[in-house]
């Protein structure tokens, strides 16, 4: 399966947002 750089970037942003919100209740 081919994954584009844009999809990887969006995925990383999603993971980062989920990760930070899990530890920062202000978000």
PDB file of N, CA and C in Angstrom:
ATOM      1  N   UNK A   1       0.846  -1.201   0.000  1.00  0.00           N
ATOM      2  CA  UNK A   1       0.000   0.000   0.000  1.00  0.00           C
ATOM      3  C   UNK A   1       0.881   1.252   0.000  1.00  0.00           C
ATOM      4  N   UNK A   2       0.593   2.158  -0.902  1.00  0.00           N
ATOM      5  CA  UNK A   2       1.379   3.380  -1.016  1.00  0.00           C
ATOM      6  C   UNK A   2       0.795   4.479  -0.131  1.00  0.00           C
ATOM      7  N   UNK A   3       1.619   5.056   0.693  1.00  0.00           N
ATOM      8  CA  UNK A   3       1.181   6.145   1.568  1.00  0.00           C
ATOM      9  C   UNK A   3       1.950   7.411   1.203  1.00  0.00           C
ATOM     10  N   UNK A   4       1.207   8.467   0.928  1.00  0.00           N
ATOM     11  CA  UNK A   4       1.853   9.710   0.513  1.00  0.00           C
ATOM     12  C   UNK A   4       2.421  10.451   1.714  1.00  0.00           C
ATOM     13  N   UNK A   5       3.330  11.367   1.433  1.00  0.00           N
ATOM     14  CA  UNK A   5       3.961  12.142   2.508  1.00  0.00           C
ATOM     15  C   UNK A   5       2.917  12.982   3.226  1.00  0.00           C
ATOM     16  N   UNK A   6       1.923  13.468   2.477  1.00  0.00           N
ATOM     17  CA  UNK A   6       0.877  14.286   3.088  1.00  0.00           C
ATOM     18  C   UNK A   6       0.072  13.467   4.087  1.00  0.00           C
ATOM     19  N   UNK A   7      -0.254  12.235   3.735  1.00  0.00           N
ATOM     20  CA  UNK A   7      -1.027  11.388   4.641  1.00  0.00           C
ATOM     21  C   UNK A   7      -0.243  11.097   5.914  1.00  0.00           C
ATOM     22  N   UNK A   8       1.066  10.873   5.768  1.00  0.00           N
ATOM     23  CA  UNK A   8       1.917  10.631   6.932  1.00  0.00           C
ATOM     24  C   UNK A   8       1.951  11.868   7.819  1.00  0.00           C
ATOM     25  N   UNK A   9       2.027  13.050   7.196  1.00  0.00           N
ATOM     26  CA  UNK A   9       2.079  14.299   7.942  1.00  0.00           C
ATOM     27  C   UNK A   9       0.780  14.513   8.730  1.00  0.00           C
ATOM     28  N   UNK A  10      -0.340  14.289   8.077  1.00  0.00           N
ATOM     29  CA  UNK A  10      -1.646  14.444   8.738  1.00  0.00           C
ATOM     30  C   UNK A  10      -1.781  13.444   9.881  1.00  0.00           C
ATOM     31  N   UNK A  11      -1.302  12.237   9.650  1.00  0.00           N
ATOM     32  CA  UNK A  11      -1.378  11.199  10.681  1.00  0.00           C
ATOM     33  C   UNK A  11      -0.555  11.593  11.903  1.00  0.00           C
ATOM     34  N   UNK A  12       0.647  12.126  11.651  1.00  0.00           N
ATOM     35  CA  UNK A  12       1.503  12.554  12.752  1.00  0.00           C
ATOM     36  C   UNK A  12       0.860  13.699  13.531  1.00  0.00           C
ATOM     37  N   UNK A  13       0.227  14.628  12.819  1.00  0.00           N
ATOM     38  CA  UNK A  13      -0.442  15.742  13.494  1.00  0.00           C
ATOM     39  C   UNK A  13      -1.587  15.227  14.351  1.00  0.00           C
ATOM     40  N   UNK A  14      -2.332  14.228  13.835  1.00  0.00           N
ATOM     41  CA  UNK A  14      -3.457  13.658  14.579  1.00  0.00           C
ATOM     42  C   UNK A  14      -2.970  12.960  15.843  1.00  0.00           C
ATOM     43  N   UNK A  15      -1.909  12.173  15.697  1.00  0.00           N
ATOM     44  CA  UNK A  15      -1.338  11.477  16.849  1.00  0.00           C
ATOM     45  C   UNK A  15      -0.831  12.494  17.881  1.00  0.00           C
ATOM     46  N   UNK A  16      -0.160  13.529  17.413  1.00  0.00           N
ATOM     47  CA  UNK A  16       0.378  14.547  18.323  1.00  0.00           C
ATOM     48  C   UNK A  16      -0.745  15.255  19.063  1.00  0.00           C
ATOM     49  N   UNK A  17      -1.833  15.557  18.368  1.00  0.00           N
ATOM     50  CA  UNK A  17      -2.946  16.253  19.012  1.00  0.00           C
ATOM     51  C   UNK A  17      -3.623  15.360  20.046  1.00  0.00           C
ATOM     52  N   UNK A  18      -3.772  14.081  19.723  1.00  0.00           N
ATOM     53  CA  UNK A  18      -4.371  13.143  20.675  1.00  0.00           C
ATOM     54  C   UNK A  18      -3.458  12.963  21.883  1.00  0.00           C
ATOM     55  N   UNK A  19      -2.150  12.901  21.638  1.00  0.00           N
ATOM     56  CA  UNK A  19      -1.176  12.675  22.697  1.00  0.00           C
ATOM     57  C   UNK A  19      -1.122  13.864  23.653  1.00  0.00           C
ATOM     58  N   UNK A  20      -1.087  15.072  23.097  1.00  0.00           N
ATOM     59  CA  UNK A  20      -0.987  16.264  23.938  1.00  0.00           C
ATOM     60  C   UNK A  20      -2.289  16.501  24.693  1.00  0.00           C
ATOM     61  N   UNK A  21      -3.431  16.282  24.062  1.00  0.00           N
ATOM     62  CA  UNK A  21      -4.712  16.512  24.730  1.00  0.00           C
ATOM     63  C   UNK A  21      -4.925  15.514  25.864  1.00  0.00           C
ATOM     64  N   UNK A  22      -4.296  14.362  25.757  1.00  0.00           N
ATOM     65  CA  UNK A  22      -4.431  13.343  26.798  1.00  0.00           C
ATOM     66  C   UNK A  22      -3.726  13.785  28.080  1.00  0.00           C
ATOM     67  N   UNK A  23      -2.709  14.634  27.934  1.00  0.00           N
ATOM     68  CA  UNK A  23      -1.939  15.073  29.093  1.00  0.00           C
ATOM     69  C   UNK A  23      -2.175  16.548  29.428  1.00  0.00           C
ATOM     70  N   UNK A  24      -2.919  17.258  28.578  1.00  0.00           N
ATOM     71  CA  UNK A  24      -3.180  18.677  28.831  1.00  0.00           C
ATOM     72  C   UNK A  24      -4.686  18.930  28.793  1.00  0.00           C
ATOM     73  N   UNK A  25      -5.361  18.953  29.943  1.00  0.00           N
ATOM     74  CA  UNK A  25      -6.819  19.114  29.993  1.00  0.00           C
ATOM     75  C   UNK A  25      -7.295  20.471  29.497  1.00  0.00           C
ATOM     76  N   UNK A  26      -6.374  21.410  29.332  1.00  0.00           N
ATOM     77  CA  UNK A  26      -6.783  22.738  28.850  1.00  0.00           C
ATOM     78  C   UNK A  26      -7.155  22.712  27.374  1.00  0.00           C
ATOM     79  N   UNK A  27      -6.631  21.740  26.637  1.00  0.00           N
ATOM     80  CA  UNK A  27      -6.889  21.698  25.196  1.00  0.00           C
ATOM     81  C   UNK A  27      -8.290  21.210  24.921  1.00  0.00           C
TER      82      UNK A  27
END
